[in-house]
Amino acid sequence: SILNQVNEAGTFTCAGCNSPLFTTKTKFESGSGWPSFYGPIDSTVVKLGTDMSMIIPRTEVSCRVCGGHLGHVFDDGPNPTGQRFCMNGVAMNFSSDEDTPDLATRVQLMEKEDPYKPEVGSVLLSVLLNGVLGGLFFNSFLVNALGSNGINSPLDVIPLGIGIFYGVKAVNSCRRLIS
């Protein structure tokens, strides 16, 4: 997306209704090819919902004003939120602070009045999903290791590694809930 290349100070707005959504202050390079942010302008501009279209649940991000689909949010972003809002560049427009000073002032007020903090529901889904997956893989390892087969090859420890991976993801999501 062309918006992935934008780095100048400004605001990303909804292509459907022109509502302000994100700023370049929270934008980062995720390597996904899509504009990525660690948080929206404030807690009122986007709506989060569950998207089951890819079988595994994902958190869908929509514009709270017009309901337009913007992208998805994942729990692998940088601090302070630990989230990666991976947005569809076609669903947004960009306005530089220099070209639209009134919008820049309005956005600054929004950021101060109601700063964004991850919703408990979206983080809990990640904790549950990653915790269950981690537990299943760890259990698979234990059954094999303690059973009659034992550990006979390096491949037998793969479920342990996968279990630890998902367990760490669950713990990191719990930390976001607490902070």
C-alpha atoms as a PDB file:
ATOM      1  CA  SER A   1       0.000   0.000   0.000  1.00  0.00           C
ATOM      2  CA  ILE A   2       1.193   3.522  -0.782  1.00  0.00           C
ATOM      3  CA  LEU A   3       0.195   4.590   2.753  1.00  0.00           C
ATOM      4  CA  ASN A   4       2.845   2.238   4.124  1.00  0.00           C
ATOM      5  CA  GLN A   5       5.461   4.673   2.748  1.00  0.00           C
ATOM      6  CA  VAL A   6       4.014   7.728   4.573  1.00  0.00           C
ATOM      7  CA  ASN A   7       6.235   9.019   7.378  1.00  0.00           C
ATOM      8  CA  GLU A   8       5.481  12.744   7.601  1.00  0.00           C
ATOM      9  CA  ALA A   9       3.481  14.033  10.568  1.00  0.00           C
ATOM     10  CA  GLY A  10      -0.215  13.619   9.965  1.00  0.00           C
ATOM     11  CA  THR A  11      -3.455  11.715  10.359  1.00  0.00           C
ATOM     12  CA  PHE A  12      -4.850   8.625   8.658  1.00  0.00           C
ATOM     13  CA  THR A  13      -8.606   8.958   8.139  1.00  0.00           C
ATOM     14  CA  CYS A  14     -11.349   6.533   7.133  1.00  0.00           C
ATOM     15  CA  ALA A  15     -11.828   6.449   3.352  1.00  0.00           C
ATOM     16  CA  GLY A  16     -15.564   5.939   3.881  1.00  0.00           C
ATOM     17  CA  CYS A  17     -16.429   8.813   6.229  1.00  0.00           C
ATOM     18  CA  ASN A  18     -13.167  10.767   6.733  1.00  0.00           C
ATOM     19  CA  SER A  19     -13.102  10.134  10.503  1.00  0.00           C
ATOM     20  CA  PRO A  20      -9.613  10.410  12.032  1.00  0.00           C
ATOM     21  CA  LEU A  21      -8.257   6.981  13.014  1.00  0.00           C
ATOM     22  CA  PHE A  22      -4.461   6.834  13.401  1.00  0.00           C
ATOM     23  CA  THR A  23      -1.459   9.176  13.369  1.00  0.00           C
ATOM     24  CA  THR A  24       2.090   8.730  12.149  1.00  0.00           C
ATOM     25  CA  LYS A  25       3.170   8.956  15.818  1.00  0.00           C
ATOM     26  CA  THR A  26       1.935   5.383  16.355  1.00  0.00           C
ATOM     27  CA  LYS A  27       2.912   4.043  12.908  1.00  0.00           C
ATOM     28  CA  PHE A  28       5.737   1.514  12.614  1.00  0.00           C
ATOM     29  CA  GLU A  29       7.242  -0.763   9.954  1.00  0.00           C
ATOM     30  CA  SER A  30       5.928  -4.286  10.540  1.00  0.00           C
ATOM     31  CA  GLY A  31       7.225  -5.860   7.346  1.00  0.00           C
ATOM     32  CA  SER A  32       3.668  -6.794   6.329  1.00  0.00           C
ATOM     33  CA  GLY A  33       3.431  -4.353   3.418  1.00  0.00           C
ATOM     34  CA  TRP A  34       0.414  -2.684   5.041  1.00  0.00           C
ATOM     35  CA  PRO A  35       0.368   0.435   7.233  1.00  0.00           C
ATOM     36  CA  SER A  36       0.758  -0.763  10.831  1.00  0.00           C
ATOM     37  CA  PHE A  37       0.113   1.123  14.067  1.00  0.00           C
ATOM     38  CA  TYR A  38       0.428   0.225  17.739  1.00  0.00           C
ATOM     39  CA  GLY A  39      -2.796   2.056  18.580  1.00  0.00           C
ATOM     40  CA  PRO A  40      -5.560   4.308  17.231  1.00  0.00           C
ATOM     41  CA  ILE A  41      -5.940   7.989  18.106  1.00  0.00           C
ATOM     42  CA  ASP A  42      -8.182   7.195  21.069  1.00  0.00           C
ATOM     43  CA  SER A  43     -10.444   4.452  22.367  1.00  0.00           C
ATOM     44  CA  THR A  44     -13.544   5.733  20.548  1.00  0.00           C
ATOM     45  CA  VAL A  45     -12.511   5.800  16.864  1.00  0.00           C
ATOM     46  CA  VAL A  46     -12.428   2.084  16.038  1.00  0.00           C
ATOM     47  CA  LYS A  47     -14.650  -0.873  16.816  1.00  0.00           C
ATOM     48  CA  LEU A  48     -13.191  -4.333  17.403  1.00  0.00           C
ATOM     49  CA  GLY A  49     -15.008  -7.557  16.569  1.00  0.00           C
ATOM     50  CA  THR A  50     -14.279 -11.233  15.985  1.00  0.00           C
ATOM     51  CA  ASP A  51     -13.644 -12.348  12.400  1.00  0.00           C
ATOM     52  CA  MET A  52     -13.920 -16.109  11.812  1.00  0.00           C
ATOM     53  CA  SER A  53     -13.431 -16.004   8.013  1.00  0.00           C
ATOM     54  CA  MET A  54     -10.001 -17.699   8.222  1.00  0.00           C
ATOM     55  CA  ILE A  55     -11.177 -20.452  10.652  1.00  0.00           C
ATOM     56  CA  ILE A  56      -8.863 -19.188  13.436  1.00  0.00           C
ATOM     57  CA  PRO A  57     -10.461 -16.186  15.142  1.00  0.00           C
ATOM     58  CA  ARG A  58      -8.924 -12.802  14.357  1.00  0.00           C
ATOM     59  CA  THR A  59      -9.821  -9.405  15.733  1.00  0.00           C
ATOM     60  CA  GLU A  60     -11.359  -7.256  13.013  1.00  0.00           C
ATOM     61  CA  VAL A  61     -10.990  -3.468  13.142  1.00  0.00           C
ATOM     62  CA  SER A  62     -13.830  -1.302  11.789  1.00  0.00           C
ATOM     63  CA  CYS A  63     -14.481   2.430  11.724  1.00  0.00           C
ATOM     64  CA  ARG A  64     -16.798   3.211  14.641  1.00  0.00           C
ATOM     65  CA  VAL A  65     -18.599   5.944  12.649  1.00  0.00           C
ATOM     66  CA  CYS A  66     -19.419   4.245   9.326  1.00  0.00           C
ATOM     67  CA  GLY A  67     -18.618   0.591  10.104  1.00  0.00           C
ATOM     68  CA  GLY A  68     -16.142   0.277   7.227  1.00  0.00           C
ATOM     69  CA  HIS A  69     -13.681  -2.629   7.471  1.00  0.00           C
ATOM     70  CA  LEU A  70     -10.161  -1.299   8.139  1.00  0.00           C
ATOM     71  CA  GLY A  71      -8.090  -4.416   8.821  1.00  0.00           C
ATOM     72  CA  HIS A  72      -7.144  -6.603  11.788  1.00  0.00           C
ATOM     73  CA  VAL A  73      -5.274  -6.226  15.067  1.00  0.00           C
ATOM     74  CA  PHE A  74      -2.714  -8.767  16.280  1.00  0.00           C
ATOM     75  CA  ASP A  75      -0.841  -9.162  19.568  1.00  0.00           C
ATOM     76  CA  ASP A  76       2.670  -8.968  18.116  1.00  0.00           C
ATOM     77  CA  GLY A  77       3.242  -5.222  18.025  1.00  0.00           C
ATOM     78  CA  PRO A  78       5.663  -2.962  19.853  1.00  0.00           C
ATOM     79  CA  ASN A  79       5.225  -1.238  23.210  1.00  0.00           C
ATOM     80  CA  PRO A  80       3.326   0.478  24.709  1.00  0.00           C
ATOM     81  CA  THR A  81       0.297  -1.613  23.611  1.00  0.00           C
ATOM     82  CA  GLY A  82       1.937  -4.753  22.212  1.00  0.00           C
ATOM     83  CA  GLN A  83      -0.616  -4.630  19.422  1.00  0.00           C
ATOM     84  CA  ARG A  84      -0.226  -4.364  15.643  1.00  0.00           C
ATOM     85  CA  PHE A  85      -3.134  -2.729  13.879  1.00  0.00           C
ATOM     86  CA  CYS A  86      -2.523  -4.035  10.346  1.00  0.00           C
ATOM     87  CA  MET A  87      -4.657  -1.722   8.219  1.00  0.00           C
ATOM     88  CA  ASN A  88      -5.774  -1.968   4.616  1.00  0.00           C
ATOM     89  CA  GLY A  89      -4.246   1.062   2.906  1.00  0.00           C
ATOM     90  CA  VAL A  90      -7.229   1.295   0.525  1.00  0.00           C
ATOM     91  CA  ALA A  91      -9.571   1.806   3.500  1.00  0.00           C
ATOM     92  CA  MET A  92      -7.791   4.986   4.626  1.00  0.00           C
ATOM     93  CA  ASN A  93      -6.609   8.375   3.400  1.00  0.00           C
ATOM     94  CA  PHE A  94      -3.746  10.496   4.737  1.00  0.00           C
ATOM     95  CA  SER A  95      -3.736  14.200   5.652  1.00  0.00           C
ATOM     96  CA  SER A  96      -0.465  15.858   6.641  1.00  0.00           C
ATOM     97  CA  ASP A  97      -0.446  18.117   9.699  1.00  0.00           C
ATOM     98  CA  GLU A  98       1.022  20.870   7.534  1.00  0.00           C
ATOM     99  CA  ASP A  99      -1.860  20.734   5.021  1.00  0.00           C
ATOM    100  CA  THR A 100      -4.634  20.274   7.610  1.00  0.00           C
ATOM    101  CA  PRO A 101      -3.677  22.118  10.827  1.00  0.00           C
ATOM    102  CA  ASP A 102      -7.286  22.133  12.120  1.00  0.00           C
ATOM    103  CA  LEU A 103      -7.435  18.328  11.905  1.00  0.00           C
ATOM    104  CA  ALA A 104      -4.033  18.062  13.620  1.00  0.00           C
ATOM    105  CA  THR A 105      -5.265  20.216  16.518  1.00  0.00           C
ATOM    106  CA  ARG A 106      -8.489  18.202  16.824  1.00  0.00           C
ATOM    107  CA  VAL A 107      -6.540  14.919  16.852  1.00  0.00           C
ATOM    108  CA  GLN A 108      -4.172  16.200  19.575  1.00  0.00           C
ATOM    109  CA  LEU A 109      -7.181  16.980  21.787  1.00  0.00           C
ATOM    110  CA  MET A 110      -8.690  13.539  21.135  1.00  0.00           C
ATOM    111  CA  GLU A 111      -5.412  11.821  22.098  1.00  0.00           C
ATOM    112  CA  LYS A 112      -5.274  13.709  25.414  1.00  0.00           C
ATOM    113  CA  GLU A 113      -8.951  13.258  26.355  1.00  0.00           C
ATOM    114  CA  ASP A 114      -9.231   9.497  25.922  1.00  0.00           C
ATOM    115  CA  PRO A 115      -5.866   7.772  25.266  1.00  0.00           C
ATOM    116  CA  TYR A 116      -6.087   4.320  23.699  1.00  0.00           C
ATOM    117  CA  LYS A 117      -5.667   1.248  25.861  1.00  0.00           C
ATOM    118  CA  PRO A 118      -6.249  -2.302  24.541  1.00  0.00           C
ATOM    119  CA  GLU A 119      -9.740  -3.663  25.261  1.00  0.00           C
ATOM    120  CA  VAL A 120      -9.854  -6.478  27.795  1.00  0.00           C
ATOM    121  CA  GLY A 121     -11.994  -8.625  25.473  1.00  0.00           C
ATOM    122  CA  SER A 122      -9.525  -8.579  22.604  1.00  0.00           C
ATOM    123  CA  VAL A 123      -6.607  -9.416  24.895  1.00  0.00           C
ATOM    124  CA  LEU A 124      -8.541 -12.176  26.698  1.00  0.00           C
ATOM    125  CA  LEU A 125      -9.231 -13.934  23.391  1.00  0.00           C
ATOM    126  CA  SER A 126      -5.488 -14.014  22.723  1.00  0.00           C
ATOM    127  CA  VAL A 127      -4.752 -15.283  26.250  1.00  0.00           C
ATOM    128  CA  LEU A 128      -7.307 -18.078  25.922  1.00  0.00           C
ATOM    129  CA  LEU A 129      -6.381 -19.119  22.392  1.00  0.00           C
ATOM    130  CA  ASN A 130      -2.628 -19.111  23.013  1.00  0.00           C
ATOM    131  CA  GLY A 131      -3.000 -20.726  26.444  1.00  0.00           C
ATOM    132  CA  VAL A 132      -5.108 -23.570  25.083  1.00  0.00           C
ATOM    133  CA  LEU A 133      -2.778 -24.160  22.125  1.00  0.00           C
ATOM    134  CA  GLY A 134       0.267 -24.084  24.404  1.00  0.00           C
ATOM    135  CA  GLY A 135      -1.375 -26.535  26.803  1.00  0.00           C
ATOM    136  CA  LEU A 136      -2.341 -28.947  24.022  1.00  0.00           C
ATOM    137  CA  PHE A 137       1.152 -29.061  22.551  1.00  0.00           C
ATOM    138  CA  PHE A 138       2.762 -29.367  25.998  1.00  0.00           C
ATOM    139  CA  ASN A 139       0.368 -32.193  26.862  1.00  0.00           C
ATOM    140  CA  SER A 140       1.238 -33.932  23.578  1.00  0.00           C
ATOM    141  CA  PHE A 141       4.923 -33.744  24.488  1.00  0.00           C
ATOM    142  CA  LEU A 142       4.347 -35.101  28.011  1.00  0.00           C
ATOM    143  CA  VAL A 143       2.192 -38.004  26.823  1.00  0.00           C
ATOM    144  CA  ASN A 144       4.863 -39.000  24.312  1.00  0.00           C
ATOM    145  CA  ALA A 145       7.844 -38.424  26.628  1.00  0.00           C
ATOM    146  CA  LEU A 146       6.376 -40.179  29.667  1.00  0.00           C
ATOM    147  CA  GLY A 147       4.618 -42.899  27.699  1.00  0.00           C
ATOM    148  CA  SER A 148       6.072 -46.114  26.436  1.00  0.00           C
ATOM    149  CA  ASN A 149       7.726 -44.390  23.453  1.00  0.00           C
ATOM    150  CA  GLY A 150       9.938 -41.953  25.348  1.00  0.00           C
ATOM    151  CA  ILE A 151      12.045 -39.440  23.462  1.00  0.00           C
ATOM    152  CA  ASN A 152      13.754 -41.220  20.587  1.00  0.00           C
ATOM    153  CA  SER A 153      14.645 -38.389  18.225  1.00  0.00           C
ATOM    154  CA  PRO A 154      14.984 -34.610  18.164  1.00  0.00           C
ATOM    155  CA  LEU A 155      11.598 -34.467  16.400  1.00  0.00           C
ATOM    156  CA  ASP A 156       9.938 -35.737  19.574  1.00  0.00           C
ATOM    157  CA  VAL A 157      10.620 -32.413  21.324  1.00  0.00           C
ATOM    158  CA  ILE A 158       8.946 -30.268  18.638  1.00  0.00           C
ATOM    159  CA  PRO A 159       5.595 -30.208  20.512  1.00  0.00           C
ATOM    160  CA  LEU A 160       7.447 -28.904  23.587  1.00  0.00           C
ATOM    161  CA  GLY A 161       8.908 -26.011  21.586  1.00  0.00           C
ATOM    162  CA  ILE A 162       5.530 -25.152  20.067  1.00  0.00           C
ATOM    163  CA  GLY A 163       3.888 -25.378  23.493  1.00  0.00           C
ATOM    164  CA  ILE A 164       6.469 -23.007  24.983  1.00  0.00           C
ATOM    165  CA  PHE A 165       5.994 -20.591  22.056  1.00  0.00           C
ATOM    166  CA  TYR A 166       2.219 -20.366  22.590  1.00  0.00           C
ATOM    167  CA  GLY A 167       2.638 -20.288  26.359  1.00  0.00           C
ATOM    168  CA  VAL A 168       4.951 -17.262  26.124  1.00  0.00           C
ATOM    169  CA  LYS A 169       2.443 -15.540  23.834  1.00  0.00           C
ATOM    170  CA  ALA A 170      -0.301 -16.145  26.430  1.00  0.00           C
ATOM    171  CA  VAL A 171       1.876 -14.776  29.255  1.00  0.00           C
ATOM    172  CA  ASN A 172       2.760 -11.669  27.217  1.00  0.00           C
ATOM    173  CA  SER A 173      -0.938 -11.049  26.563  1.00  0.00           C
ATOM    174  CA  CYS A 174      -1.614 -11.382  30.317  1.00  0.00           C
ATOM    175  CA  ARG A 175       1.018  -8.736  30.984  1.00  0.00           C
ATOM    176  CA  ARG A 176      -0.839  -6.344  28.671  1.00  0.00           C
ATOM    177  CA  LEU A 177      -4.028  -6.943  30.666  1.00  0.00           C
ATOM    178  CA  ILE A 178      -2.293  -6.075  33.914  1.00  0.00           C
ATOM    179  CA  SER A 179      -0.459  -2.966  32.685  1.00  0.00           C
END
